[in-house]
Amino acid sequence: MLSVLFLVAVAAAFLAPRLLRRGPSRDALNGTLLITGVSPRPDAAGEQFVTISGVIDGPTLNEYSVYLRMAVDVDQWPTVGELRPVVYSERNPENWAFAPPVPPPDPLPPAN
């Protein structure tokens, strides 16, 4: 009985990262998403679920149709026709996410 439990724990430890992976991985490529459909913006505040459809263009894709449901802050709600930077998996373009925002460059120190 103890050996069966041990085998199940080992299998779970091996399979969990593969099953719980979210978003693109190390093989992620940069692209752009043209949003062609979006669910209505709710009246609630904070993060809410949105359903987005669109086409991704990137180094290995040309107008690849995608569809995803994700949590988005209502103040950043996507709109139809918007072009947004994304990262996507080279092996599976269905696995995509909005690209993280690029931080502004550090200001130059004042000259002495």
PDB file of N, CA and C in Angstrom:
ATOM      1  N   MET A   1       0.825  -1.192   0.000  1.00  0.00           N
ATOM      2  CA  MET A   1       0.000   0.000   0.000  1.00  0.00           C
ATOM      3  C   MET A   1       0.867   1.253   0.000  1.00  0.00           C
ATOM      4  N   LEU A   2       1.909   1.245   0.817  1.00  0.00           N
ATOM      5  CA  LEU A   2       2.799   2.403   0.901  1.00  0.00           C
ATOM      6  C   LEU A   2       3.551   2.616  -0.403  1.00  0.00           C
ATOM      7  N   SER A   3       3.905   1.523  -1.078  1.00  0.00           N
ATOM      8  CA  SER A   3       4.617   1.655  -2.349  1.00  0.00           C
ATOM      9  C   SER A   3       3.706   2.226  -3.437  1.00  0.00           C
ATOM     10  N   VAL A   4       2.435   1.883  -3.420  1.00  0.00           N
ATOM     11  CA  VAL A   4       1.480   2.427  -4.386  1.00  0.00           C
ATOM     12  C   VAL A   4       1.317   3.927  -4.152  1.00  0.00           C
ATOM     13  N   LEU A   5       1.206   4.322  -2.903  1.00  0.00           N
ATOM     14  CA  LEU A   5       1.094   5.736  -2.570  1.00  0.00           C
ATOM     15  C   LEU A   5       2.336   6.502  -3.018  1.00  0.00           C
ATOM     16  N   PHE A   6       3.497   5.894  -2.833  1.00  0.00           N
ATOM     17  CA  PHE A   6       4.744   6.511  -3.265  1.00  0.00           C
ATOM     18  C   PHE A   6       4.773   6.687  -4.785  1.00  0.00           C
ATOM     19  N   LEU A   7       4.345   5.665  -5.531  1.00  0.00           N
ATOM     20  CA  LEU A   7       4.310   5.750  -6.993  1.00  0.00           C
ATOM     21  C   LEU A   7       3.340   6.823  -7.473  1.00  0.00           C
ATOM     22  N   VAL A   8       2.206   6.943  -6.819  1.00  0.00           N
ATOM     23  CA  VAL A   8       1.238   7.988  -7.181  1.00  0.00           C
ATOM     24  C   VAL A   8       1.830   9.368  -6.910  1.00  0.00           C
ATOM     25  N   ALA A   9       2.524   9.546  -5.800  1.00  0.00           N
ATOM     26  CA  ALA A   9       3.140  10.834  -5.472  1.00  0.00           C
ATOM     27  C   ALA A   9       4.223  11.189  -6.484  1.00  0.00           C
ATOM     28  N   VAL A  10       5.024  10.231  -6.880  1.00  0.00           N
ATOM     29  CA  VAL A  10       6.072  10.483  -7.876  1.00  0.00           C
ATOM     30  C   VAL A  10       5.447  10.855  -9.213  1.00  0.00           C
ATOM     31  N   ALA A  11       4.418  10.131  -9.628  1.00  0.00           N
ATOM     32  CA  ALA A  11       3.741  10.436 -10.889  1.00  0.00           C
ATOM     33  C   ALA A  11       3.115  11.825 -10.851  1.00  0.00           C
ATOM     34  N   ALA A  12       2.495  12.198  -9.736  1.00  0.00           N
ATOM     35  CA  ALA A  12       1.890  13.521  -9.607  1.00  0.00           C
ATOM     36  C   ALA A  12       2.950  14.611  -9.669  1.00  0.00           C
ATOM     37  N   ALA A  13       4.082  14.395  -9.014  1.00  0.00           N
ATOM     38  CA  ALA A  13       5.156  15.391  -9.044  1.00  0.00           C
ATOM     39  C   ALA A  13       5.712  15.560 -10.450  1.00  0.00           C
ATOM     40  N   PHE A  14       5.733  14.498 -11.234  1.00  0.00           N
ATOM     41  CA  PHE A  14       6.245  14.564 -12.593  1.00  0.00           C
ATOM     42  C   PHE A  14       5.236  15.210 -13.546  1.00  0.00           C
ATOM     43  N   LEU A  15       3.960  14.894 -13.395  1.00  0.00           N
ATOM     44  CA  LEU A  15       2.940  15.371 -14.322  1.00  0.00           C
ATOM     45  C   LEU A  15       2.371  16.748 -13.979  1.00  0.00           C
ATOM     46  N   ALA A  16       2.410  17.156 -12.729  1.00  0.00           N
ATOM     47  CA  ALA A  16       1.793  18.414 -12.309  1.00  0.00           C
ATOM     48  C   ALA A  16       2.306  19.622 -13.087  1.00  0.00           C
ATOM     49  N   PRO A  17       3.620  19.810 -13.266  1.00  0.00           N
ATOM     50  CA  PRO A  17       4.068  20.986 -14.024  1.00  0.00           C
ATOM     51  C   PRO A  17       3.567  21.005 -15.465  1.00  0.00           C
ATOM     52  N   ARG A  18       3.422  19.843 -16.059  1.00  0.00           N
ATOM     53  CA  ARG A  18       2.924  19.776 -17.436  1.00  0.00           C
ATOM     54  C   ARG A  18       1.438  20.110 -17.517  1.00  0.00           C
ATOM     55  N   LEU A  19       0.682  19.690 -16.523  1.00  0.00           N
ATOM     56  CA  LEU A  19      -0.758  19.914 -16.537  1.00  0.00           C
ATOM     57  C   LEU A  19      -1.143  21.301 -16.052  1.00  0.00           C
ATOM     58  N   LEU A  20      -0.343  21.890 -15.184  1.00  0.00           N
ATOM     59  CA  LEU A  20      -0.693  23.172 -14.589  1.00  0.00           C
ATOM     60  C   LEU A  20      -0.016  24.358 -15.265  1.00  0.00           C
ATOM     61  N   ARG A  21       0.723  24.114 -16.316  1.00  0.00           N
ATOM     62  CA  ARG A  21       1.432  25.195 -16.997  1.00  0.00           C
ATOM     63  C   ARG A  21       0.434  26.197 -17.571  1.00  0.00           C
ATOM     64  N   ARG A  22       0.690  27.473 -17.334  1.00  0.00           N
ATOM     65  CA  ARG A  22      -0.190  28.521 -17.844  1.00  0.00           C
ATOM     66  C   ARG A  22       0.643  29.498 -18.643  1.00  0.00           C
ATOM     67  N   GLY A  23       0.151  29.868 -19.794  1.00  0.00           N
ATOM     68  CA  GLY A  23       0.863  30.826 -20.610  1.00  0.00           C
ATOM     69  C   GLY A  23       2.015  30.192 -21.366  1.00  0.00           C
ATOM     70  N   PRO A  24       2.600  30.941 -22.271  1.00  0.00           N
ATOM     71  CA  PRO A  24       3.700  30.439 -23.071  1.00  0.00           C
ATOM     72  C   PRO A  24       4.924  30.135 -22.216  1.00  0.00           C
ATOM     73  N   SER A  25       5.743  29.208 -22.687  1.00  0.00           N
ATOM     74  CA  SER A  25       6.917  28.787 -21.930  1.00  0.00           C
ATOM     75  C   SER A  25       8.181  29.398 -22.511  1.00  0.00           C
ATOM     76  N   ARG A  26       9.299  28.696 -22.309  1.00  0.00           N
ATOM     77  CA  ARG A  26      10.599  29.204 -22.749  1.00  0.00           C
ATOM     78  C   ARG A  26      10.666  29.433 -24.246  1.00  0.00           C
ATOM     79  N   ASP A  27       9.895  28.694 -25.017  1.00  0.00           N
ATOM     80  CA  ASP A  27       9.943  28.845 -26.467  1.00  0.00           C
ATOM     81  C   ASP A  27       9.027  29.965 -26.964  1.00  0.00           C
ATOM     82  N   ALA A  28       8.661  30.892 -26.088  1.00  0.00           N
ATOM     83  CA  ALA A  28       7.719  31.953 -26.428  1.00  0.00           C
ATOM     84  C   ALA A  28       8.296  32.912 -27.464  1.00  0.00           C
ATOM     85  N   LEU A  29       7.440  33.292 -28.399  1.00  0.00           N
ATOM     86  CA  LEU A  29       7.791  34.264 -29.426  1.00  0.00           C
ATOM     87  C   LEU A  29       6.901  35.486 -29.274  1.00  0.00           C
ATOM     88  N   ASN A  30       7.394  36.623 -29.708  1.00  0.00           N
ATOM     89  CA  ASN A  30       6.611  37.859 -29.655  1.00  0.00           C
ATOM     90  C   ASN A  30       5.797  38.002 -30.929  1.00  0.00           C
ATOM     91  N   GLY A  31       4.590  38.513 -30.772  1.00  0.00           N
ATOM     92  CA  GLY A  31       3.724  38.757 -31.910  1.00  0.00           C
ATOM     93  C   GLY A  31       2.728  39.842 -31.564  1.00  0.00           C
ATOM     94  N   THR A  32       1.764  40.024 -32.444  1.00  0.00           N
ATOM     95  CA  THR A  32       0.693  40.994 -32.190  1.00  0.00           C
ATOM     96  C   THR A  32      -0.647  40.307 -32.388  1.00  0.00           C
ATOM     97  N   LEU A  33      -1.611  40.701 -31.584  1.00  0.00           N
ATOM     98  CA  LEU A  33      -2.969  40.172 -31.662  1.00  0.00           C
ATOM     99  C   LEU A  33      -3.894  41.284 -32.133  1.00  0.00           C
ATOM    100  N   LEU A  34      -4.594  41.055 -33.236  1.00  0.00           N
ATOM    101  CA  LEU A  34      -5.658  41.941 -33.681  1.00  0.00           C
ATOM    102  C   LEU A  34      -6.942  41.380 -33.100  1.00  0.00           C
ATOM    103  N   ILE A  35      -7.554  42.120 -32.191  1.00  0.00           N
ATOM    104  CA  ILE A  35      -8.761  41.644 -31.509  1.00  0.00           C
ATOM    105  C   ILE A  35      -9.954  41.791 -32.448  1.00  0.00           C
ATOM    106  N   THR A  36     -10.621  40.657 -32.712  1.00  0.00           N
ATOM    107  CA  THR A  36     -11.781  40.660 -33.608  1.00  0.00           C
ATOM    108  C   THR A  36     -13.092  40.450 -32.868  1.00  0.00           C
ATOM    109  N   GLY A  37     -13.018  40.018 -31.614  1.00  0.00           N
ATOM    110  CA  GLY A  37     -14.217  39.822 -30.819  1.00  0.00           C
ATOM    111  C   GLY A  37     -13.876  39.882 -29.348  1.00  0.00           C
ATOM    112  N   VAL A  38     -14.802  40.462 -28.564  1.00  0.00           N
ATOM    113  CA  VAL A  38     -14.584  40.588 -27.128  1.00  0.00           C
ATOM    114  C   VAL A  38     -15.936  40.569 -26.423  1.00  0.00           C
ATOM    115  N   SER A  39     -15.986  39.916 -25.269  1.00  0.00           N
ATOM    116  CA  SER A  39     -17.236  39.881 -24.516  1.00  0.00           C
ATOM    117  C   SER A  39     -17.529  41.264 -23.928  1.00  0.00           C
ATOM    118  N   PRO A  40     -18.799  41.547 -23.614  1.00  0.00           N
ATOM    119  CA  PRO A  40     -19.156  42.862 -23.086  1.00  0.00           C
ATOM    120  C   PRO A  40     -18.454  43.168 -21.764  1.00  0.00           C
ATOM    121  N   ARG A  41     -18.125  44.432 -21.585  1.00  0.00           N
ATOM    122  CA  ARG A  41     -17.475  44.876 -20.341  1.00  0.00           C
ATOM    123  C   ARG A  41     -18.504  44.884 -19.214  1.00  0.00           C
ATOM    124  N   PRO A  42     -18.188  44.223 -18.084  1.00  0.00           N
ATOM    125  CA  PRO A  42     -19.141  44.199 -16.965  1.00  0.00           C
ATOM    126  C   PRO A  42     -19.135  45.515 -16.199  1.00  0.00           C
ATOM    127  N   ASP A  43     -20.182  45.717 -15.414  1.00  0.00           N
ATOM    128  CA  ASP A  43     -20.291  46.927 -14.592  1.00  0.00           C
ATOM    129  C   ASP A  43     -19.443  46.840 -13.326  1.00  0.00           C
ATOM    130  N   ALA A  44     -18.975  45.645 -12.974  1.00  0.00           N
ATOM    131  CA  ALA A  44     -18.184  45.448 -11.759  1.00  0.00           C
ATOM    132  C   ALA A  44     -16.794  46.048 -11.924  1.00  0.00           C
ATOM    133  N   ALA A  45     -16.104  46.239 -10.799  1.00  0.00           N
ATOM    134  CA  ALA A  45     -14.749  46.783 -10.811  1.00  0.00           C
ATOM    135  C   ALA A  45     -13.742  45.654 -10.600  1.00  0.00           C
ATOM    136  N   GLY A  46     -12.470  45.942 -10.867  1.00  0.00           N
ATOM    137  CA  GLY A  46     -11.408  44.969 -10.632  1.00  0.00           C
ATOM    138  C   GLY A  46     -11.269  43.983 -11.765  1.00  0.00           C
ATOM    139  N   GLU A  47     -10.675  42.832 -11.470  1.00  0.00           N
ATOM    140  CA  GLU A  47     -10.477  41.805 -12.487  1.00  0.00           C
ATOM    141  C   GLU A  47     -11.766  41.047 -12.750  1.00  0.00           C
ATOM    142  N   GLN A  48     -12.076  40.882 -14.020  1.00  0.00           N
ATOM    143  CA  GLN A  48     -13.251  40.143 -14.454  1.00  0.00           C
ATOM    144  C   GLN A  48     -12.845  39.276 -15.646  1.00  0.00           C
ATOM    145  N   PHE A  49     -13.620  38.236 -15.916  1.00  0.00           N
ATOM    146  CA  PHE A  49     -13.314  37.377 -17.050  1.00  0.00           C
ATOM    147  C   PHE A  49     -13.786  38.005 -18.344  1.00  0.00           C
ATOM    148  N   VAL A  50     -12.947  37.891 -19.368  1.00  0.00           N
ATOM    149  CA  VAL A  50     -13.264  38.368 -20.709  1.00  0.00           C
ATOM    150  C   VAL A  50     -12.973  37.231 -21.684  1.00  0.00           C
ATOM    151  N   THR A  51     -13.781  37.132 -22.708  1.00  0.00           N
ATOM    152  CA  THR A  51     -13.539  36.177 -23.779  1.00  0.00           C
ATOM    153  C   THR A  51     -13.090  36.973 -24.994  1.00  0.00           C
ATOM    154  N   ILE A  52     -11.926  36.597 -25.517  1.00  0.00           N
ATOM    155  CA  ILE A  52     -11.315  37.341 -26.615  1.00  0.00           C
ATOM    156  C   ILE A  52     -11.101  36.406 -27.797  1.00  0.00           C
ATOM    157  N   SER A  53     -11.410  36.892 -28.990  1.00  0.00           N
ATOM    158  CA  SER A  53     -11.031  36.184 -30.214  1.00  0.00           C
ATOM    159  C   SER A  53     -10.243  37.161 -31.071  1.00  0.00           C
ATOM    160  N   GLY A  54      -9.363  36.613 -31.883  1.00  0.00           N
ATOM    161  CA  GLY A  54      -8.554  37.475 -32.736  1.00  0.00           C
ATOM    162  C   GLY A  54      -7.611  36.670 -33.591  1.00  0.00           C
ATOM    163  N   VAL A  55      -6.693  37.388 -34.237  1.00  0.00           N
ATOM    164  CA  VAL A  55      -5.684  36.748 -35.076  1.00  0.00           C
ATOM    165  C   VAL A  55      -4.312  37.226 -34.638  1.00  0.00           C
ATOM    166  N   ILE A  56      -3.387  36.266 -34.531  1.00  0.00           N
ATOM    167  CA  ILE A  56      -2.017  36.567 -34.128  1.00  0.00           C
ATOM    168  C   ILE A  56      -1.126  36.564 -35.363  1.00  0.00           C
ATOM    169  N   ASP A  57      -0.282  37.588 -35.460  1.00  0.00           N
ATOM    170  CA  ASP A  57       0.785  37.645 -36.452  1.00  0.00           C
ATOM    171  C   ASP A  57       2.097  37.647 -35.702  1.00  0.00           C
ATOM    172  N   GLY A  58       3.044  36.881 -36.187  1.00  0.00           N
ATOM    173  CA  GLY A  58       4.349  36.809 -35.537  1.00  0.00           C
ATOM    174  C   GLY A  58       5.373  36.211 -36.479  1.00  0.00           C
ATOM    175  N   PRO A  59       6.574  35.944 -35.963  1.00  0.00           N
ATOM    176  CA  PRO A  59       7.635  35.429 -36.816  1.00  0.00           C
ATOM    177  C   PRO A  59       7.308  34.084 -37.473  1.00  0.00           C
ATOM    178  N   THR A  60       6.466  33.272 -36.834  1.00  0.00           N
ATOM    179  CA  THR A  60       6.129  31.958 -37.401  1.00  0.00           C
ATOM    180  C   THR A  60       4.653  31.837 -37.759  1.00  0.00           C
ATOM    181  N   LEU A  61       3.878  32.915 -37.582  1.00  0.00           N
ATOM    182  CA  LEU A  61       2.428  32.875 -37.831  1.00  0.00           C
ATOM    183  C   LEU A  61       1.999  34.009 -38.734  1.00  0.00           C
ATOM    184  N   ASN A  62       0.950  33.754 -39.494  1.00  0.00           N
ATOM    185  CA  ASN A  62       0.340  34.792 -40.309  1.00  0.00           C
ATOM    186  C   ASN A  62      -1.173  34.679 -40.158  1.00  0.00           C
ATOM    187  N   GLU A  63      -1.757  35.599 -39.414  1.00  0.00           N
ATOM    188  CA  GLU A  63      -3.201  35.637 -39.168  1.00  0.00           C
ATOM    189  C   GLU A  63      -3.727  34.304 -38.640  1.00  0.00           C
ATOM    190  N   TYR A  64      -3.142  33.841 -37.545  1.00  0.00           N
ATOM    191  CA  TYR A  64      -3.549  32.602 -36.894  1.00  0.00           C
ATOM    192  C   TYR A  64      -4.696  32.910 -35.937  1.00  0.00           C
ATOM    193  N   SER A  65      -5.854  32.316 -36.138  1.00  0.00           N
ATOM    194  CA  SER A  65      -7.037  32.582 -35.320  1.00  0.00           C
ATOM    195  C   SER A  65      -6.917  31.955 -33.945  1.00  0.00           C
ATOM    196  N   VAL A  66      -7.211  32.752 -32.908  1.00  0.00           N
ATOM    197  CA  VAL A  66      -7.152  32.274 -31.530  1.00  0.00           C
ATOM    198  C   VAL A  66      -8.395  32.733 -30.781  1.00  0.00           C
ATOM    199  N   TYR A  67      -8.619  32.078 -29.637  1.00  0.00           N
ATOM    200  CA  TYR A  67      -9.785  32.320 -28.798  1.00  0.00           C
ATOM    201  C   TYR A  67      -9.369  31.984 -27.382  1.00  0.00           C
ATOM    202  N   LEU A  68      -9.676  32.841 -26.413  1.00  0.00           N
ATOM    203  CA  LEU A  68      -9.257  32.582 -25.042  1.00  0.00           C
ATOM    204  C   LEU A  68     -10.158  33.318 -24.060  1.00  0.00           C
ATOM    205  N   ARG A  69     -10.341  32.708 -22.900  1.00  0.00           N
ATOM    206  CA  ARG A  69     -11.035  33.353 -21.777  1.00  0.00           C
ATOM    207  C   ARG A  69      -9.993  33.594 -20.707  1.00  0.00           C
ATOM    208  N   MET A  70      -9.886  34.851 -20.234  1.00  0.00           N
ATOM    209  CA  MET A  70      -8.876  35.209 -19.247  1.00  0.00           C
ATOM    210  C   MET A  70      -9.407  36.305 -18.336  1.00  0.00           C
ATOM    211  N   ALA A  71      -8.736  36.481 -17.206  1.00  0.00           N
ATOM    212  CA  ALA A  71      -9.076  37.553 -16.272  1.00  0.00           C
ATOM    213  C   ALA A  71      -8.324  38.816 -16.672  1.00  0.00           C
ATOM    214  N   VAL A  72      -9.055  39.935 -16.755  1.00  0.00           N
ATOM    215  CA  VAL A  72      -8.484  41.227 -17.143  1.00  0.00           C
ATOM    216  C   VAL A  72      -9.082  42.289 -16.234  1.00  0.00           C
ATOM    217  N   ASP A  73      -8.271  43.280 -15.868  1.00  0.00           N
ATOM    218  CA  ASP A  73      -8.787  44.403 -15.094  1.00  0.00           C
ATOM    219  C   ASP A  73      -9.772  45.185 -15.970  1.00  0.00           C
ATOM    220  N   VAL A  74     -10.904  45.552 -15.402  1.00  0.00           N
ATOM    221  CA  VAL A  74     -11.951  46.246 -16.151  1.00  0.00           C
ATOM    222  C   VAL A  74     -11.420  47.547 -16.755  1.00  0.00           C
ATOM    223  N   ASP A  75     -10.470  48.209 -16.084  1.00  0.00           N
ATOM    224  CA  ASP A  75      -9.909  49.455 -16.610  1.00  0.00           C
ATOM    225  C   ASP A  75      -9.024  49.217 -17.834  1.00  0.00           C
ATOM    226  N   GLN A  76      -8.600  47.986 -18.073  1.00  0.00           N
ATOM    227  CA  GLN A  76      -7.776  47.633 -19.230  1.00  0.00           C
ATOM    228  C   GLN A  76      -8.540  46.753 -20.222  1.00  0.00           C
ATOM    229  N   TRP A  77      -9.872  46.876 -20.234  1.00  0.00           N
ATOM    230  CA  TRP A  77     -10.717  46.010 -21.045  1.00  0.00           C
ATOM    231  C   TRP A  77     -10.370  46.150 -22.528  1.00  0.00           C
ATOM    232  N   PRO A  78     -10.149  45.030 -23.229  1.00  0.00           N
ATOM    233  CA  PRO A  78      -9.816  45.100 -24.664  1.00  0.00           C
ATOM    234  C   PRO A  78     -11.014  45.538 -25.501  1.00  0.00           C
ATOM    235  N   THR A  79     -10.724  46.055 -26.689  1.00  0.00           N
ATOM    236  CA  THR A  79     -11.773  46.486 -27.612  1.00  0.00           C
ATOM    237  C   THR A  79     -11.522  45.880 -28.986  1.00  0.00           C
ATOM    238  N   VAL A  80     -12.595  45.703 -29.741  1.00  0.00           N
ATOM    239  CA  VAL A  80     -12.496  45.169 -31.093  1.00  0.00           C
ATOM    240  C   VAL A  80     -11.693  46.153 -31.949  1.00  0.00           C
ATOM    241  N   GLY A  81     -10.781  45.612 -32.735  1.00  0.00           N
ATOM    242  CA  GLY A  81      -9.946  46.426 -33.605  1.00  0.00           C
ATOM    243  C   GLY A  81      -8.621  46.827 -32.976  1.00  0.00           C
ATOM    244  N   GLU A  82      -8.475  46.585 -31.680  1.00  0.00           N
ATOM    245  CA  GLU A  82      -7.246  46.930 -30.976  1.00  0.00           C
ATOM    246  C   GLU A  82      -6.135  45.962 -31.359  1.00  0.00           C
ATOM    247  N   LEU A  83      -4.914  46.469 -31.458  1.00  0.00           N
ATOM    248  CA  LEU A  83      -3.738  45.669 -31.757  1.00  0.00           C
ATOM    249  C   LEU A  83      -2.888  45.625 -30.494  1.00  0.00           C
ATOM    250  N   ARG A  84      -2.692  44.427 -29.928  1.00  0.00           N
ATOM    251  CA  ARG A  84      -1.952  44.287 -28.665  1.00  0.00           C
ATOM    252  C   ARG A  84      -0.773  43.352 -28.834  1.00  0.00           C
ATOM    253  N   PRO A  85       0.351  43.659 -28.166  1.00  0.00           N
ATOM    254  CA  PRO A  85       1.491  42.735 -28.200  1.00  0.00           C
ATOM    255  C   PRO A  85       1.188  41.488 -27.368  1.00  0.00           C
ATOM    256  N   VAL A  86       1.601  40.340 -27.893  1.00  0.00           N
ATOM    257  CA  VAL A  86       1.391  39.066 -27.208  1.00  0.00           C
ATOM    258  C   VAL A  86       2.665  38.238 -27.264  1.00  0.00           C
ATOM    259  N   VAL A  87       2.711  37.225 -26.425  1.00  0.00           N
ATOM    260  CA  VAL A  87       3.717  36.169 -26.519  1.00  0.00           C
ATOM    261  C   VAL A  87       2.950  34.874 -26.737  1.00  0.00           C
ATOM    262  N   TYR A  88       3.508  34.015 -27.575  1.00  0.00           N
ATOM    263  CA  TYR A  88       2.840  32.752 -27.868  1.00  0.00           C
ATOM    264  C   TYR A  88       3.867  31.639 -27.972  1.00  0.00           C
ATOM    265  N   SER A  89       3.400  30.428 -27.766  1.00  0.00           N
ATOM    266  CA  SER A  89       4.262  29.253 -27.839  1.00  0.00           C
ATOM    267  C   SER A  89       4.524  28.905 -29.295  1.00  0.00           C
ATOM    268  N   GLU A  90       5.783  28.693 -29.617  1.00  0.00           N
ATOM    269  CA  GLU A  90       6.134  28.311 -30.987  1.00  0.00           C
ATOM    270  C   GLU A  90       5.541  26.951 -31.340  1.00  0.00           C
ATOM    271  N   ARG A  91       5.480  26.048 -30.359  1.00  0.00           N
ATOM    272  CA  ARG A  91       4.942  24.709 -30.597  1.00  0.00           C
ATOM    273  C   ARG A  91       3.421  24.672 -30.625  1.00  0.00           C
ATOM    274  N   ASN A  92       2.768  25.567 -29.872  1.00  0.00           N
ATOM    275  CA  ASN A  92       1.311  25.575 -29.792  1.00  0.00           C
ATOM    276  C   ASN A  92       0.816  27.014 -29.691  1.00  0.00           C
ATOM    277  N   PRO A  93       0.544  27.670 -30.815  1.00  0.00           N
ATOM    278  CA  PRO A  93       0.118  29.076 -30.784  1.00  0.00           C
ATOM    279  C   PRO A  93      -1.185  29.323 -30.024  1.00  0.00           C
ATOM    280  N   GLU A  94      -1.948  28.256 -29.764  1.00  0.00           N
ATOM    281  CA  GLU A  94      -3.160  28.423 -28.949  1.00  0.00           C
ATOM    282  C   GLU A  94      -2.796  28.826 -27.525  1.00  0.00           C
ATOM    283  N   ASN A  95      -1.569  28.612 -27.136  1.00  0.00           N
ATOM    284  CA  ASN A  95      -1.071  28.949 -25.811  1.00  0.00           C
ATOM    285  C   ASN A  95      -0.409  30.331 -25.892  1.00  0.00           C
ATOM    286  N   TRP A  96      -1.195  31.382 -25.681  1.00  0.00           N
ATOM    287  CA  TRP A  96      -0.709  32.752 -25.802  1.00  0.00           C
ATOM    288  C   TRP A  96      -1.175  33.573 -24.615  1.00  0.00           C
ATOM    289  N   ALA A  97      -0.546  34.724 -24.444  1.00  0.00           N
ATOM    290  CA  ALA A  97      -0.917  35.667 -23.383  1.00  0.00           C
ATOM    291  C   ALA A  97      -0.501  37.065 -23.822  1.00  0.00           C
ATOM    292  N   PHE A  98      -1.128  38.070 -23.222  1.00  0.00           N
ATOM    293  CA  PHE A  98      -0.692  39.433 -23.497  1.00  0.00           C
ATOM    294  C   PHE A  98       0.747  39.587 -23.034  1.00  0.00           C
ATOM    295  N   ALA A  99       1.546  40.309 -23.793  1.00  0.00           N
ATOM    296  CA  ALA A  99       2.943  40.533 -23.422  1.00  0.00           C
ATOM    297  C   ALA A  99       2.983  41.417 -22.184  1.00  0.00           C
ATOM    298  N   PRO A 100       3.932  41.166 -21.283  1.00  0.00           N
ATOM    299  CA  PRO A 100       4.040  42.017 -20.103  1.00  0.00           C
ATOM    300  C   PRO A 100       4.402  43.435 -20.524  1.00  0.00           C
ATOM    301  N   PRO A 101       3.922  44.438 -19.781  1.00  0.00           N
ATOM    302  CA  PRO A 101       4.243  45.816 -20.154  1.00  0.00           C
ATOM    303  C   PRO A 101       5.738  46.080 -20.040  1.00  0.00           C
ATOM    304  N   VAL A 102       6.222  46.884 -20.951  1.00  0.00           N
ATOM    305  CA  VAL A 102       7.637  47.250 -20.946  1.00  0.00           C
ATOM    306  C   VAL A 102       7.813  48.430 -19.998  1.00  0.00           C
ATOM    307  N   PRO A 103       8.692  48.307 -18.993  1.00  0.00           N
ATOM    308  CA  PRO A 103       8.873  49.419 -18.067  1.00  0.00           C
ATOM    309  C   PRO A 103       9.549  50.590 -18.773  1.00  0.00           C
ATOM    310  N   PRO A 104       9.238  51.813 -18.355  1.00  0.00           N
ATOM    311  CA  PRO A 104       9.888  52.970 -18.989  1.00  0.00           C
ATOM    312  C   PRO A 104      11.376  52.965 -18.662  1.00  0.00           C
ATOM    313  N   PRO A 105      12.187  53.538 -19.560  1.00  0.00           N
ATOM    314  CA  PRO A 105      13.622  53.563 -19.283  1.00  0.00           C
ATOM    315  C   PRO A 105      13.932  54.453 -18.093  1.00  0.00           C
ATOM    316  N   ASP A 106      15.013  54.102 -17.383  1.00  0.00           N
ATOM    317  CA  ASP A 106      15.441  54.917 -16.252  1.00  0.00           C
ATOM    318  C   ASP A 106      15.892  56.284 -16.762  1.00  0.00           C
ATOM    319  N   PRO A 107      15.513  57.344 -16.052  1.00  0.00           N
ATOM    320  CA  PRO A 107      15.960  58.672 -16.492  1.00  0.00           C
ATOM    321  C   PRO A 107      17.477  58.802 -16.269  1.00  0.00           C
ATOM    322  N   LEU A 108      18.077  59.603 -17.112  1.00  0.00           N
ATOM    323  CA  LEU A 108      19.511  59.826 -16.961  1.00  0.00           C
ATOM    324  C   LEU A 108      19.786  60.638 -15.689  1.00  0.00           C
ATOM    325  N   PRO A 109      20.870  60.343 -14.999  1.00  0.00           N
ATOM    326  CA  PRO A 109      21.188  61.128 -13.805  1.00  0.00           C
ATOM    327  C   PRO A 109      21.572  62.551 -14.198  1.00  0.00           C
ATOM    328  N   PRO A 110      21.310  63.515 -13.339  1.00  0.00           N
ATOM    329  CA  PRO A 110      21.632  64.901 -13.683  1.00  0.00           C
ATOM    330  C   PRO A 110      23.149  65.076 -13.854  1.00  0.00           C
ATOM    331  N   ALA A 111      23.495  65.901 -14.822  1.00  0.00           N
ATOM    332  CA  ALA A 111      24.926  66.172 -15.064  1.00  0.00           C
ATOM    333  C   ALA A 111      25.465  67.062 -13.948  1.00  0.00           C
ATOM    334  N   ASN A 112      26.675  66.805 -13.544  1.00  0.00           N
ATOM    335  CA  ASN A 112      27.312  67.614 -12.472  1.00  0.00           C
ATOM    336  C   ASN A 112      28.015  68.798 -13.028  1.00  0.00           C
TER     337      ASN A 112
END
